[in-house]
Amino acid sequence: MYMRLFQTRMDPELVEGFKKLYEKKIIPALQNQPGCFGATLVKNDQGLDEYLSMTLWDSKKHAEAYERSGLFQELLEEAKPFLADSSEWKIQLTEDFELDYRPTQEEPVVTSFPVVEQSRTQA
C-alpha cells in the first residue's frame, strides 16, 4: 500500500466551496483511478488554514501513473481558486528599469510514503 499526501493552505473564506469541490469532483475522479483505495480531506488541528488530501494506493506505480495521467493537474487547476495566496513576493527590475513586484504562486507540497502492514499477534 502507498500513501500520498497533498498539503496546501486554503483561503478561509473559500473552504466550504473547496470541500464541495473535493466531495463532488475530486473523490469521484479518484475512485475511477486504477489502484486508488480512497481519499480524504484532513484539516490541521492547530487552527491553521492548512489541509491535507490523503490518498491510499495499491502501489507507488499506481500513484505515479495518476500524477502523469494529467488528471492530477486538471484537478489542481480547479482547486487553485480556493487556495490561499502566497505571503512571498517576487521583486525585480524590468528591462526598462522599473520595479516589478507580485505575489508568487505557492505550490502545494506533495509527499508520498510506502505503508507497511503489520499483523497483530496475541501473546
PDB file of N, CA and C in Angstrom:
ATOM      1  N   MET A   1       0.857  -1.175   0.000  1.00  0.00           N
ATOM      2  CA  MET A   1       0.000   0.000   0.000  1.00  0.00           C
ATOM      3  C   MET A   1       0.900   1.234   0.000  1.00  0.00           C
ATOM      4  N   TYR A   2       0.390   2.296  -0.574  1.00  0.00           N
ATOM      5  CA  TYR A   2       1.159   3.521  -0.732  1.00  0.00           C
ATOM      6  C   TYR A   2       0.270   4.718  -0.370  1.00  0.00           C
ATOM      7  N   MET A   3       0.808   5.629   0.439  1.00  0.00           N
ATOM      8  CA  MET A   3       0.053   6.808   0.875  1.00  0.00           C
ATOM      9  C   MET A   3       0.653   8.053   0.225  1.00  0.00           C
ATOM     10  N   ARG A   4      -0.214   8.914  -0.269  1.00  0.00           N
ATOM     11  CA  ARG A   4       0.210  10.158  -0.905  1.00  0.00           C
ATOM     12  C   ARG A   4      -0.481  11.306  -0.179  1.00  0.00           C
ATOM     13  N   LEU A   5       0.304  12.324   0.227  1.00  0.00           N
ATOM     14  CA  LEU A   5      -0.233  13.487   0.934  1.00  0.00           C
ATOM     15  C   LEU A   5      -0.041  14.737   0.091  1.00  0.00           C
ATOM     16  N   PHE A   6      -1.091  15.488  -0.060  1.00  0.00           N
ATOM     17  CA  PHE A   6      -1.092  16.754  -0.786  1.00  0.00           C
ATOM     18  C   PHE A   6      -1.402  17.825   0.254  1.00  0.00           C
ATOM     19  N   GLN A   7      -0.419  18.661   0.585  1.00  0.00           N
ATOM     20  CA  GLN A   7      -0.564  19.654   1.657  1.00  0.00           C
ATOM     21  C   GLN A   7      -0.642  21.047   1.055  1.00  0.00           C
ATOM     22  N   THR A   8      -1.644  21.819   1.506  1.00  0.00           N
ATOM     23  CA  THR A   8      -1.803  23.172   0.993  1.00  0.00           C
ATOM     24  C   THR A   8      -2.496  24.056   2.020  1.00  0.00           C
ATOM     25  N   ARG A   9      -2.467  25.354   1.781  1.00  0.00           N
ATOM     26  CA  ARG A   9      -3.202  26.309   2.613  1.00  0.00           C
ATOM     27  C   ARG A   9      -4.414  26.776   1.837  1.00  0.00           C
ATOM     28  N   MET A  10      -5.515  26.977   2.552  1.00  0.00           N
ATOM     29  CA  MET A  10      -6.775  27.414   1.942  1.00  0.00           C
ATOM     30  C   MET A  10      -7.087  28.843   2.334  1.00  0.00           C
ATOM     31  N   ASP A  11      -7.770  29.531   1.468  1.00  0.00           N
ATOM     32  CA  ASP A  11      -8.341  30.824   1.807  1.00  0.00           C
ATOM     33  C   ASP A  11      -9.505  30.514   2.751  1.00  0.00           C
ATOM     34  N   PRO A  12      -9.471  30.999   4.005  1.00  0.00           N
ATOM     35  CA  PRO A  12     -10.509  30.639   4.987  1.00  0.00           C
ATOM     36  C   PRO A  12     -11.932  30.930   4.518  1.00  0.00           C
ATOM     37  N   GLU A  13     -12.104  31.960   3.707  1.00  0.00           N
ATOM     38  CA  GLU A  13     -13.449  32.310   3.240  1.00  0.00           C
ATOM     39  C   GLU A  13     -13.958  31.362   2.156  1.00  0.00           C
ATOM     40  N   LEU A  14     -13.072  30.551   1.590  1.00  0.00           N
ATOM     41  CA  LEU A  14     -13.453  29.690   0.470  1.00  0.00           C
ATOM     42  C   LEU A  14     -13.414  28.196   0.802  1.00  0.00           C
ATOM     43  N   VAL A  15     -13.191  27.866   2.068  1.00  0.00           N
ATOM     44  CA  VAL A  15     -13.040  26.464   2.470  1.00  0.00           C
ATOM     45  C   VAL A  15     -14.286  25.646   2.135  1.00  0.00           C
ATOM     46  N   GLU A  16     -15.461  26.166   2.407  1.00  0.00           N
ATOM     47  CA  GLU A  16     -16.686  25.397   2.152  1.00  0.00           C
ATOM     48  C   GLU A  16     -16.832  25.076   0.668  1.00  0.00           C
ATOM     49  N   GLY A  17     -16.472  26.021  -0.184  1.00  0.00           N
ATOM     50  CA  GLY A  17     -16.516  25.772  -1.627  1.00  0.00           C
ATOM     51  C   GLY A  17     -15.548  24.683  -2.040  1.00  0.00           C
ATOM     52  N   PHE A  18     -14.364  24.687  -1.423  1.00  0.00           N
ATOM     53  CA  PHE A  18     -13.388  23.647  -1.745  1.00  0.00           C
ATOM     54  C   PHE A  18     -13.879  22.279  -1.270  1.00  0.00           C
ATOM     55  N   LYS A  19     -14.481  22.241  -0.083  1.00  0.00           N
ATOM     56  CA  LYS A  19     -14.995  20.970   0.423  1.00  0.00           C
ATOM     57  C   LYS A  19     -16.024  20.381  -0.553  1.00  0.00           C
ATOM     58  N   LYS A  20     -16.869  21.238  -1.121  1.00  0.00           N
ATOM     59  CA  LYS A  20     -17.859  20.772  -2.106  1.00  0.00           C
ATOM     60  C   LYS A  20     -17.165  20.247  -3.358  1.00  0.00           C
ATOM     61  N   LEU A  21     -16.143  20.959  -3.833  1.00  0.00           N
ATOM     62  CA  LEU A  21     -15.374  20.505  -4.994  1.00  0.00           C
ATOM     63  C   LEU A  21     -14.734  19.156  -4.700  1.00  0.00           C
ATOM     64  N   TYR A  22     -14.162  19.012  -3.520  1.00  0.00           N
ATOM     65  CA  TYR A  22     -13.491  17.773  -3.134  1.00  0.00           C
ATOM     66  C   TYR A  22     -14.488  16.611  -3.121  1.00  0.00           C
ATOM     67  N   GLU A  23     -15.660  16.863  -2.539  1.00  0.00           N
ATOM     68  CA  GLU A  23     -16.674  15.808  -2.418  1.00  0.00           C
ATOM     69  C   GLU A  23     -17.311  15.457  -3.763  1.00  0.00           C
ATOM     70  N   LYS A  24     -17.622  16.471  -4.559  1.00  0.00           N
ATOM     71  CA  LYS A  24     -18.387  16.249  -5.798  1.00  0.00           C
ATOM     72  C   LYS A  24     -17.519  15.902  -7.005  1.00  0.00           C
ATOM     73  N   LYS A  25     -16.251  16.350  -7.010  1.00  0.00           N
ATOM     74  CA  LYS A  25     -15.415  16.158  -8.200  1.00  0.00           C
ATOM     75  C   LYS A  25     -14.151  15.342  -7.928  1.00  0.00           C
ATOM     76  N   ILE A  26     -13.398  15.708  -6.888  1.00  0.00           N
ATOM     77  CA  ILE A  26     -12.103  15.075  -6.671  1.00  0.00           C
ATOM     78  C   ILE A  26     -12.251  13.616  -6.225  1.00  0.00           C
ATOM     79  N   ILE A  27     -13.081  13.365  -5.219  1.00  0.00           N
ATOM     80  CA  ILE A  27     -13.252  11.987  -4.747  1.00  0.00           C
ATOM     81  C   ILE A  27     -13.796  11.085  -5.849  1.00  0.00           C
ATOM     82  N   PRO A  28     -14.855  11.482  -6.578  1.00  0.00           N
ATOM     83  CA  PRO A  28     -15.320  10.604  -7.663  1.00  0.00           C
ATOM     84  C   PRO A  28     -14.255  10.363  -8.740  1.00  0.00           C
ATOM     85  N   ALA A  29     -13.466  11.378  -9.052  1.00  0.00           N
ATOM     86  CA  ALA A  29     -12.409  11.198 -10.056  1.00  0.00           C
ATOM     87  C   ALA A  29     -11.373  10.193  -9.572  1.00  0.00           C
ATOM     88  N   LEU A  30     -11.012  10.273  -8.287  1.00  0.00           N
ATOM     89  CA  LEU A  30     -10.028   9.345  -7.741  1.00  0.00           C
ATOM     90  C   LEU A  30     -10.579   7.919  -7.647  1.00  0.00           C
ATOM     91  N   GLN A  31     -11.883   7.791  -7.406  1.00  0.00           N
ATOM     92  CA  GLN A  31     -12.490   6.461  -7.321  1.00  0.00           C
ATOM     93  C   GLN A  31     -12.369   5.709  -8.644  1.00  0.00           C
ATOM     94  N   ASN A  32     -12.255   6.448  -9.737  1.00  0.00           N
ATOM     95  CA  ASN A  32     -12.130   5.824 -11.052  1.00  0.00           C
ATOM     96  C   ASN A  32     -10.682   5.578 -11.466  1.00  0.00           C
ATOM     97  N   GLN A  33      -9.736   5.933 -10.612  1.00  0.00           N
ATOM     98  CA  GLN A  33      -8.322   5.723 -10.930  1.00  0.00           C
ATOM     99  C   GLN A  33      -7.898   4.313 -10.523  1.00  0.00           C
ATOM    100  N   PRO A  34      -7.251   3.594 -11.427  1.00  0.00           N
ATOM    101  CA  PRO A  34      -6.784   2.243 -11.075  1.00  0.00           C
ATOM    102  C   PRO A  34      -5.846   2.281  -9.872  1.00  0.00           C
ATOM    103  N   GLY A  35      -6.097   1.410  -8.916  1.00  0.00           N
ATOM    104  CA  GLY A  35      -5.226   1.270  -7.758  1.00  0.00           C
ATOM    105  C   GLY A  35      -5.498   2.223  -6.616  1.00  0.00           C
ATOM    106  N   CYS A  36      -6.466   3.132  -6.752  1.00  0.00           N
ATOM    107  CA  CYS A  36      -6.762   4.080  -5.677  1.00  0.00           C
ATOM    108  C   CYS A  36      -7.817   3.477  -4.746  1.00  0.00           C
ATOM    109  N   PHE A  37      -7.462   3.364  -3.459  1.00  0.00           N
ATOM    110  CA  PHE A  37      -8.394   2.817  -2.472  1.00  0.00           C
ATOM    111  C   PHE A  37      -9.326   3.873  -1.907  1.00  0.00           C
ATOM    112  N   GLY A  38      -8.888   5.139  -1.878  1.00  0.00           N
ATOM    113  CA  GLY A  38      -9.749   6.174  -1.337  1.00  0.00           C
ATOM    114  C   GLY A  38      -8.994   7.457  -1.064  1.00  0.00           C
ATOM    115  N   ALA A  39      -9.762   8.497  -0.736  1.00  0.00           N
ATOM    116  CA  ALA A  39      -9.195   9.819  -0.469  1.00  0.00           C
ATOM    117  C   ALA A  39      -9.984  10.469   0.648  1.00  0.00           C
ATOM    118  N   THR A  40      -9.289  11.311   1.412  1.00  0.00           N
ATOM    119  CA  THR A  40      -9.956  12.063   2.460  1.00  0.00           C
ATOM    120  C   THR A  40      -9.272  13.412   2.632  1.00  0.00           C
ATOM    121  N   LEU A  41     -10.029  14.394   3.072  1.00  0.00           N
ATOM    122  CA  LEU A  41      -9.510  15.732   3.332  1.00  0.00           C
ATOM    123  C   LEU A  41      -9.385  15.908   4.840  1.00  0.00           C
ATOM    124  N   VAL A  42      -8.205  16.351   5.295  1.00  0.00           N
ATOM    125  CA  VAL A  42      -7.923  16.487   6.722  1.00  0.00           C
ATOM    126  C   VAL A  42      -7.470  17.918   7.002  1.00  0.00           C
ATOM    127  N   LYS A  43      -8.041  18.555   8.047  1.00  0.00           N
ATOM    128  CA  LYS A  43      -7.663  19.914   8.440  1.00  0.00           C
ATOM    129  C   LYS A  43      -6.618  19.859   9.552  1.00  0.00           C
ATOM    130  N   ASN A  44      -5.656  20.765   9.493  1.00  0.00           N
ATOM    131  CA  ASN A  44      -4.662  20.898  10.551  1.00  0.00           C
ATOM    132  C   ASN A  44      -5.388  21.261  11.844  1.00  0.00           C
ATOM    133  N   ASP A  45      -5.141  20.530  12.923  1.00  0.00           N
ATOM    134  CA  ASP A  45      -5.856  20.766  14.176  1.00  0.00           C
ATOM    135  C   ASP A  45      -5.292  21.924  14.992  1.00  0.00           C
ATOM    136  N   GLN A  46      -4.267  22.597  14.493  1.00  0.00           N
ATOM    137  CA  GLN A  46      -3.684  23.742  15.199  1.00  0.00           C
ATOM    138  C   GLN A  46      -4.375  25.058  14.826  1.00  0.00           C
ATOM    139  N   GLY A  47      -5.480  24.979  14.101  1.00  0.00           N
ATOM    140  CA  GLY A  47      -6.228  26.175  13.749  1.00  0.00           C
ATOM    141  C   GLY A  47      -5.661  26.905  12.549  1.00  0.00           C
ATOM    142  N   LEU A  48      -4.650  26.340  11.920  1.00  0.00           N
ATOM    143  CA  LEU A  48      -4.080  26.965  10.729  1.00  0.00           C
ATOM    144  C   LEU A  48      -4.981  26.674   9.539  1.00  0.00           C
ATOM    145  N   ASP A  49      -4.764  27.375   8.472  1.00  0.00           N
ATOM    146  CA  ASP A  49      -5.566  27.171   7.263  1.00  0.00           C
ATOM    147  C   ASP A  49      -4.945  26.103   6.371  1.00  0.00           C
ATOM    148  N   GLU A  50      -4.288  25.118   6.987  1.00  0.00           N
ATOM    149  CA  GLU A  50      -3.642  24.060   6.234  1.00  0.00           C
ATOM    150  C   GLU A  50      -4.534  22.827   6.165  1.00  0.00           C
ATOM    151  N   TYR A  51      -4.520  22.204   5.001  1.00  0.00           N
ATOM    152  CA  TYR A  51      -5.296  20.996   4.771  1.00  0.00           C
ATOM    153  C   TYR A  51      -4.424  19.963   4.081  1.00  0.00           C
ATOM    154  N   LEU A  52      -4.753  18.701   4.309  1.00  0.00           N
ATOM    155  CA  LEU A  52      -4.100  17.585   3.635  1.00  0.00           C
ATOM    156  C   LEU A  52      -5.153  16.807   2.870  1.00  0.00           C
ATOM    157  N   SER A  53      -4.821  16.460   1.653  1.00  0.00           N
ATOM    158  CA  SER A  53      -5.612  15.481   0.928  1.00  0.00           C
ATOM    159  C   SER A  53      -4.790  14.203   0.978  1.00  0.00           C
ATOM    160  N   MET A  54      -5.328  13.183   1.615  1.00  0.00           N
ATOM    161  CA  MET A  54      -4.616  11.919   1.752  1.00  0.00           C
ATOM    162  C   MET A  54      -5.266  10.881   0.851  1.00  0.00           C
ATOM    163  N   THR A  55      -4.447  10.249   0.009  1.00  0.00           N
ATOM    164  CA  THR A  55      -4.943   9.176  -0.843  1.00  0.00           C
ATOM    165  C   THR A  55      -4.151   7.911  -0.550  1.00  0.00           C
ATOM    166  N   LEU A  56      -4.826   6.783  -0.642  1.00  0.00           N
ATOM    167  CA  LEU A  56      -4.190   5.475  -0.458  1.00  0.00           C
ATOM    168  C   LEU A  56      -4.246   4.723  -1.777  1.00  0.00           C
ATOM    169  N   TRP A  57      -3.093   4.152  -2.133  1.00  0.00           N
ATOM    170  CA  TRP A  57      -2.930   3.483  -3.424  1.00  0.00           C
ATOM    171  C   TRP A  57      -2.456   2.054  -3.228  1.00  0.00           C
ATOM    172  N   ASP A  58      -2.773   1.225  -4.175  1.00  0.00           N
ATOM    173  CA  ASP A  58      -2.317  -0.159  -4.165  1.00  0.00           C
ATOM    174  C   ASP A  58      -0.793  -0.222  -4.255  1.00  0.00           C
ATOM    175  N   SER A  59      -0.190   0.704  -5.021  1.00  0.00           N
ATOM    176  CA  SER A  59       1.265   0.700  -5.191  1.00  0.00           C
ATOM    177  C   SER A  59       1.757   2.089  -5.575  1.00  0.00           C
ATOM    178  N   LYS A  60       3.038   2.288  -5.449  1.00  0.00           N
ATOM    179  CA  LYS A  60       3.672   3.540  -5.871  1.00  0.00           C
ATOM    180  C   LYS A  60       3.456   3.746  -7.369  1.00  0.00           C
ATOM    181  N   LYS A  61       3.497   2.668  -8.122  1.00  0.00           N
ATOM    182  CA  LYS A  61       3.297   2.730  -9.573  1.00  0.00           C
ATOM    183  C   LYS A  61       1.925   3.334  -9.920  1.00  0.00           C
ATOM    184  N   HIS A  62       0.882   2.947  -9.180  1.00  0.00           N
ATOM    185  CA  HIS A  62      -0.458   3.489  -9.434  1.00  0.00           C
ATOM    186  C   HIS A  62      -0.519   4.981  -9.104  1.00  0.00           C
ATOM    187  N   ALA A  63       0.087   5.385  -7.982  1.00  0.00           N
ATOM    188  CA  ALA A  63       0.083   6.804  -7.592  1.00  0.00           C
ATOM    189  C   ALA A  63       0.829   7.646  -8.616  1.00  0.00           C
ATOM    190  N   GLU A  64       1.956   7.162  -9.096  1.00  0.00           N
ATOM    191  CA  GLU A  64       2.733   7.908 -10.093  1.00  0.00           C
ATOM    192  C   GLU A  64       2.006   7.964 -11.435  1.00  0.00           C
ATOM    193  N   ALA A  65       1.308   6.898 -11.789  1.00  0.00           N
ATOM    194  CA  ALA A  65       0.527   6.900 -13.031  1.00  0.00           C
ATOM    195  C   ALA A  65      -0.571   7.960 -12.965  1.00  0.00           C
ATOM    196  N   TYR A  66      -1.193   8.113 -11.797  1.00  0.00           N
ATOM    197  CA  TYR A  66      -2.205   9.160 -11.610  1.00  0.00           C
ATOM    198  C   TYR A  66      -1.606  10.538 -11.827  1.00  0.00           C
ATOM    199  N   GLU A  67      -0.431  10.782 -11.254  1.00  0.00           N
ATOM    200  CA  GLU A  67       0.212  12.091 -11.410  1.00  0.00           C
ATOM    201  C   GLU A  67       0.563  12.364 -12.864  1.00  0.00           C
ATOM    202  N   ARG A  68       0.982  11.347 -13.601  1.00  0.00           N
ATOM    203  CA  ARG A  68       1.373  11.527 -15.004  1.00  0.00           C
ATOM    204  C   ARG A  68       0.173  11.575 -15.946  1.00  0.00           C
ATOM    205  N   SER A  69      -0.985  11.105 -15.499  1.00  0.00           N
ATOM    206  CA  SER A  69      -2.151  10.987 -16.374  1.00  0.00           C
ATOM    207  C   SER A  69      -2.714  12.333 -16.817  1.00  0.00           C
ATOM    208  N   GLY A  70      -2.390  13.383 -16.114  1.00  0.00           N
ATOM    209  CA  GLY A  70      -2.946  14.695 -16.421  1.00  0.00           C
ATOM    210  C   GLY A  70      -4.148  15.032 -15.543  1.00  0.00           C
ATOM    211  N   LEU A  71      -4.776  14.022 -14.959  1.00  0.00           N
ATOM    212  CA  LEU A  71      -5.934  14.273 -14.097  1.00  0.00           C
ATOM    213  C   LEU A  71      -5.517  15.064 -12.866  1.00  0.00           C
ATOM    214  N   PHE A  72      -4.356  14.756 -12.294  1.00  0.00           N
ATOM    215  CA  PHE A  72      -3.883  15.494 -11.126  1.00  0.00           C
ATOM    216  C   PHE A  72      -3.781  16.987 -11.449  1.00  0.00           C
ATOM    217  N   GLN A  73      -3.156  17.342 -12.570  1.00  0.00           N
ATOM    218  CA  GLN A  73      -3.010  18.752 -12.960  1.00  0.00           C
ATOM    219  C   GLN A  73      -4.370  19.393 -13.214  1.00  0.00           C
ATOM    220  N   GLU A  74      -5.279  18.650 -13.825  1.00  0.00           N
ATOM    221  CA  GLU A  74      -6.623  19.161 -14.089  1.00  0.00           C
ATOM    222  C   GLU A  74      -7.354  19.491 -12.784  1.00  0.00           C
ATOM    223  N   LEU A  75      -7.290  18.575 -11.820  1.00  0.00           N
ATOM    224  CA  LEU A  75      -7.953  18.796 -10.530  1.00  0.00           C
ATOM    225  C   LEU A  75      -7.275  19.921  -9.753  1.00  0.00           C
ATOM    226  N   LEU A  76      -5.952  20.012  -9.856  1.00  0.00           N
ATOM    227  CA  LEU A  76      -5.222  21.091  -9.189  1.00  0.00           C
ATOM    228  C   LEU A  76      -5.637  22.448  -9.756  1.00  0.00           C
ATOM    229  N   GLU A  77      -5.797  22.544 -11.057  1.00  0.00           N
ATOM    230  CA  GLU A  77      -6.236  23.803 -11.677  1.00  0.00           C
ATOM    231  C   GLU A  77      -7.619  24.207 -11.180  1.00  0.00           C
ATOM    232  N   GLU A  78      -8.511  23.238 -11.013  1.00  0.00           N
ATOM    233  CA  GLU A  78      -9.851  23.545 -10.498  1.00  0.00           C
ATOM    234  C   GLU A  78      -9.802  23.978  -9.040  1.00  0.00           C
ATOM    235  N   ALA A  79      -8.823  23.475  -8.279  1.00  0.00           N
ATOM    236  CA  ALA A  79      -8.708  23.798  -6.862  1.00  0.00           C
ATOM    237  C   ALA A  79      -8.010  25.130  -6.608  1.00  0.00           C
ATOM    238  N   LYS A  80      -7.189  25.599  -7.541  1.00  0.00           N
ATOM    239  CA  LYS A  80      -6.368  26.796  -7.308  1.00  0.00           C
ATOM    240  C   LYS A  80      -7.147  28.027  -6.846  1.00  0.00           C
ATOM    241  N   PRO A  81      -8.347  28.300  -7.349  1.00  0.00           N
ATOM    242  CA  PRO A  81      -9.070  29.485  -6.854  1.00  0.00           C
ATOM    243  C   PRO A  81      -9.374  29.440  -5.357  1.00  0.00           C
ATOM    244  N   PHE A  82      -9.378  28.261  -4.755  1.00  0.00           N
ATOM    245  CA  PHE A  82      -9.692  28.109  -3.334  1.00  0.00           C
ATOM    246  C   PHE A  82      -8.455  28.210  -2.443  1.00  0.00           C
ATOM    247  N   LEU A  83      -7.277  28.089  -3.036  1.00  0.00           N
ATOM    248  CA  LEU A  83      -6.044  28.065  -2.262  1.00  0.00           C
ATOM    249  C   LEU A  83      -5.645  29.463  -1.838  1.00  0.00           C
ATOM    250  N   ALA A  84      -4.976  29.563  -0.701  1.00  0.00           N
ATOM    251  CA  ALA A  84      -4.552  30.858  -0.166  1.00  0.00           C
ATOM    252  C   ALA A  84      -3.424  31.431  -1.021  1.00  0.00           C
ATOM    253  N   ASP A  85      -3.398  32.750  -1.115  1.00  0.00           N
ATOM    254  CA  ASP A  85      -2.300  33.417  -1.806  1.00  0.00           C
ATOM    255  C   ASP A  85      -1.033  33.269  -0.985  1.00  0.00           C
ATOM    256  N   SER A  86       0.069  33.288  -1.666  1.00  0.00           N
ATOM    257  CA  SER A  86       1.365  33.183  -1.006  1.00  0.00           C
ATOM    258  C   SER A  86       1.670  34.461  -0.243  1.00  0.00           C
ATOM    259  N   SER A  87       2.465  34.324   0.810  1.00  0.00           N
ATOM    260  CA  SER A  87       2.923  35.504   1.529  1.00  0.00           C
ATOM    261  C   SER A  87       4.282  35.959   0.991  1.00  0.00           C
ATOM    262  N   GLU A  88       4.791  35.281  -0.039  1.00  0.00           N
ATOM    263  CA  GLU A  88       6.057  35.650  -0.658  1.00  0.00           C
ATOM    264  C   GLU A  88       5.803  36.528  -1.874  1.00  0.00           C
ATOM    265  N   TRP A  89       6.718  37.453  -2.090  1.00  0.00           N
ATOM    266  CA  TRP A  89       6.627  38.340  -3.244  1.00  0.00           C
ATOM    267  C   TRP A  89       7.910  38.254  -4.045  1.00  0.00           C
ATOM    268  N   LYS A  90       7.783  38.352  -5.342  1.00  0.00           N
ATOM    269  CA  LYS A  90       8.941  38.381  -6.223  1.00  0.00           C
ATOM    270  C   LYS A  90       9.145  39.828  -6.645  1.00  0.00           C
ATOM    271  N   ILE A  91      10.349  40.355  -6.409  1.00  0.00           N
ATOM    272  CA  ILE A  91      10.660  41.738  -6.759  1.00  0.00           C
ATOM    273  C   ILE A  91      11.840  41.725  -7.721  1.00  0.00           C
ATOM    274  N   GLN A  92      11.688  42.447  -8.835  1.00  0.00           N
ATOM    275  CA  GLN A  92      12.774  42.519  -9.810  1.00  0.00           C
ATOM    276  C   GLN A  92      12.643  43.787 -10.637  1.00  0.00           C
ATOM    277  N   LEU A  93      13.714  44.127 -11.320  1.00  0.00           N
ATOM    278  CA  LEU A  93      13.701  45.261 -12.241  1.00  0.00           C
ATOM    279  C   LEU A  93      13.349  44.761 -13.630  1.00  0.00           C
ATOM    280  N   THR A  94      12.500  45.507 -14.339  1.00  0.00           N
ATOM    281  CA  THR A  94      12.183  45.152 -15.715  1.00  0.00           C
ATOM    282  C   THR A  94      13.318  45.617 -16.618  1.00  0.00           C
ATOM    283  N   GLU A  95      13.228  45.298 -17.894  1.00  0.00           N
ATOM    284  CA  GLU A  95      14.243  45.753 -18.853  1.00  0.00           C
ATOM    285  C   GLU A  95      14.265  47.279 -18.946  1.00  0.00           C
ATOM    286  N   ASP A  96      13.146  47.926 -18.604  1.00  0.00           N
ATOM    287  CA  ASP A  96      13.057  49.393 -18.609  1.00  0.00           C
ATOM    288  C   ASP A  96      13.447  49.987 -17.261  1.00  0.00           C
ATOM    289  N   PHE A  97      14.026  49.170 -16.390  1.00  0.00           N
ATOM    290  CA  PHE A  97      14.473  49.585 -15.055  1.00  0.00           C
ATOM    291  C   PHE A  97      13.338  50.094 -14.175  1.00  0.00           C
ATOM    292  N   GLU A  98      12.167  49.494 -14.345  1.00  0.00           N
ATOM    293  CA  GLU A  98      11.046  49.789 -13.460  1.00  0.00           C
ATOM    294  C   GLU A  98      10.928  48.645 -12.460  1.00  0.00           C
ATOM    295  N   LEU A  99      10.511  48.992 -11.264  1.00  0.00           N
ATOM    296  CA  LEU A  99      10.364  47.984 -10.219  1.00  0.00           C
ATOM    297  C   LEU A  99       9.087  47.184 -10.462  1.00  0.00           C
ATOM    298  N   ASP A 100       9.226  45.874 -10.532  1.00  0.00           N
ATOM    299  CA  ASP A 100       8.100  44.979 -10.761  1.00  0.00           C
ATOM    300  C   ASP A 100       8.001  44.047  -9.554  1.00  0.00           C
ATOM    301  N   TYR A 101       6.851  44.004  -8.916  1.00  0.00           N
ATOM    302  CA  TYR A 101       6.668  43.098  -7.782  1.00  0.00           C
ATOM    303  C   TYR A 101       5.285  42.484  -7.842  1.00  0.00           C
ATOM    304  N   ARG A 102       5.227  41.219  -7.475  1.00  0.00           N
ATOM    305  CA  ARG A 102       3.956  40.477  -7.483  1.00  0.00           C
ATOM    306  C   ARG A 102       4.066  39.272  -6.566  1.00  0.00           C
ATOM    307  N   PRO A 103       2.931  38.815  -6.067  1.00  0.00           N
ATOM    308  CA  PRO A 103       2.992  37.623  -5.207  1.00  0.00           C
ATOM    309  C   PRO A 103       3.390  36.404  -6.037  1.00  0.00           C
ATOM    310  N   THR A 104       4.146  35.514  -5.444  1.00  0.00           N
ATOM    311  CA  THR A 104       4.490  34.270  -6.127  1.00  0.00           C
ATOM    312  C   THR A 104       3.421  33.240  -5.821  1.00  0.00           C
ATOM    313  N   GLN A 105       3.197  32.360  -6.768  1.00  0.00           N
ATOM    314  CA  GLN A 105       2.212  31.303  -6.566  1.00  0.00           C
ATOM    315  C   GLN A 105       2.813  30.247  -5.653  1.00  0.00           C
ATOM    316  N   GLU A 106       2.177  30.009  -4.534  1.00  0.00           N
ATOM    317  CA  GLU A 106       2.650  28.987  -3.600  1.00  0.00           C
ATOM    318  C   GLU A 106       2.113  27.643  -4.052  1.00  0.00           C
ATOM    319  N   GLU A 107       3.010  26.757  -4.390  1.00  0.00           N
ATOM    320  CA  GLU A 107       2.605  25.437  -4.858  1.00  0.00           C
ATOM    321  C   GLU A 107       2.369  24.504  -3.676  1.00  0.00           C
ATOM    322  N   PRO A 108       1.346  23.660  -3.769  1.00  0.00           N
ATOM    323  CA  PRO A 108       1.106  22.679  -2.718  1.00  0.00           C
ATOM    324  C   PRO A 108       2.283  21.702  -2.613  1.00  0.00           C
ATOM    325  N   VAL A 109       2.453  21.125  -1.452  1.00  0.00           N
ATOM    326  CA  VAL A 109       3.514  20.157  -1.215  1.00  0.00           C
ATOM    327  C   VAL A 109       2.913  18.761  -1.345  1.00  0.00           C
ATOM    328  N   VAL A 110       3.540  17.926  -2.167  1.00  0.00           N
ATOM    329  CA  VAL A 110       3.081  16.546  -2.337  1.00  0.00           C
ATOM    330  C   VAL A 110       4.180  15.623  -1.831  1.00  0.00           C
ATOM    331  N   THR A 111       3.831  14.755  -0.891  1.00  0.00           N
ATOM    332  CA  THR A 111       4.777  13.764  -0.384  1.00  0.00           C
ATOM    333  C   THR A 111       4.118  12.391  -0.445  1.00  0.00           C
ATOM    334  N   SER A 112       4.944  11.373  -0.536  1.00  0.00           N
ATOM    335  CA  SER A 112       4.436  10.004  -0.634  1.00  0.00           C
ATOM    336  C   SER A 112       5.230   9.096   0.283  1.00  0.00           C
ATOM    337  N   PHE A 113       4.551   8.067   0.784  1.00  0.00           N
ATOM    338  CA  PHE A 113       5.171   7.135   1.714  1.00  0.00           C
ATOM    339  C   PHE A 113       4.673   5.726   1.456  1.00  0.00           C
ATOM    340  N   PRO A 114       5.577   4.748   1.514  1.00  0.00           N
ATOM    341  CA  PRO A 114       5.083   3.366   1.499  1.00  0.00           C
ATOM    342  C   PRO A 114       4.433   3.073   2.845  1.00  0.00           C
ATOM    343  N   VAL A 115       3.384   2.302   2.829  1.00  0.00           N
ATOM    344  CA  VAL A 115       2.689   1.926   4.054  1.00  0.00           C
ATOM    345  C   VAL A 115       2.968   0.448   4.290  1.00  0.00           C
ATOM    346  N   VAL A 116       3.486   0.145   5.452  1.00  0.00           N
ATOM    347  CA  VAL A 116       3.832  -1.231   5.789  1.00  0.00           C
ATOM    348  C   VAL A 116       2.775  -1.762   6.742  1.00  0.00           C
ATOM    349  N   GLU A 117       2.211  -2.881   6.379  1.00  0.00           N
ATOM    350  CA  GLU A 117       1.218  -3.505   7.245  1.00  0.00           C
ATOM    351  C   GLU A 117       1.921  -4.434   8.222  1.00  0.00           C
ATOM    352  N   GLN A 118       1.469  -4.431   9.454  1.00  0.00           N
ATOM    353  CA  GLN A 118       1.985  -5.357  10.442  1.00  0.00           C
ATOM    354  C   GLN A 118       0.823  -6.164  10.976  1.00  0.00           C
ATOM    355  N   SER A 119       1.032  -7.434  11.086  1.00  0.00           N
ATOM    356  CA  SER A 119      -0.028  -8.250  11.662  1.00  0.00           C
ATOM    357  C   SER A 119       0.106  -8.228  13.174  1.00  0.00           C
ATOM    358  N   ARG A 120      -1.016  -8.245  13.824  1.00  0.00           N
ATOM    359  CA  ARG A 120      -1.021  -8.242  15.299  1.00  0.00           C
ATOM    360  C   ARG A 120      -1.063  -9.694  15.779  1.00  0.00           C
ATOM    361  N   THR A 121      -0.205  -9.977  16.697  1.00  0.00           N
ATOM    362  CA  THR A 121      -0.223 -11.307  17.296  1.00  0.00           C
ATOM    363  C   THR A 121      -0.477 -11.162  18.794  1.00  0.00           C
ATOM    364  N   GLN A 122      -1.241 -12.056  19.322  1.00  0.00           N
ATOM    365  CA  GLN A 122      -1.525 -12.005  20.749  1.00  0.00           C
ATOM    366  C   GLN A 122      -0.557 -12.909  21.491  1.00  0.00           C
ATOM    367  N   ALA A 123      -0.099 -12.452  22.619  1.00  0.00           N
ATOM    368  CA  ALA A 123       0.862 -13.242  23.410  1.00  0.00           C
ATOM    369  C   ALA A 123       0.154 -14.196  24.312  1.00  0.00           C
TER     370      ALA A 123
END
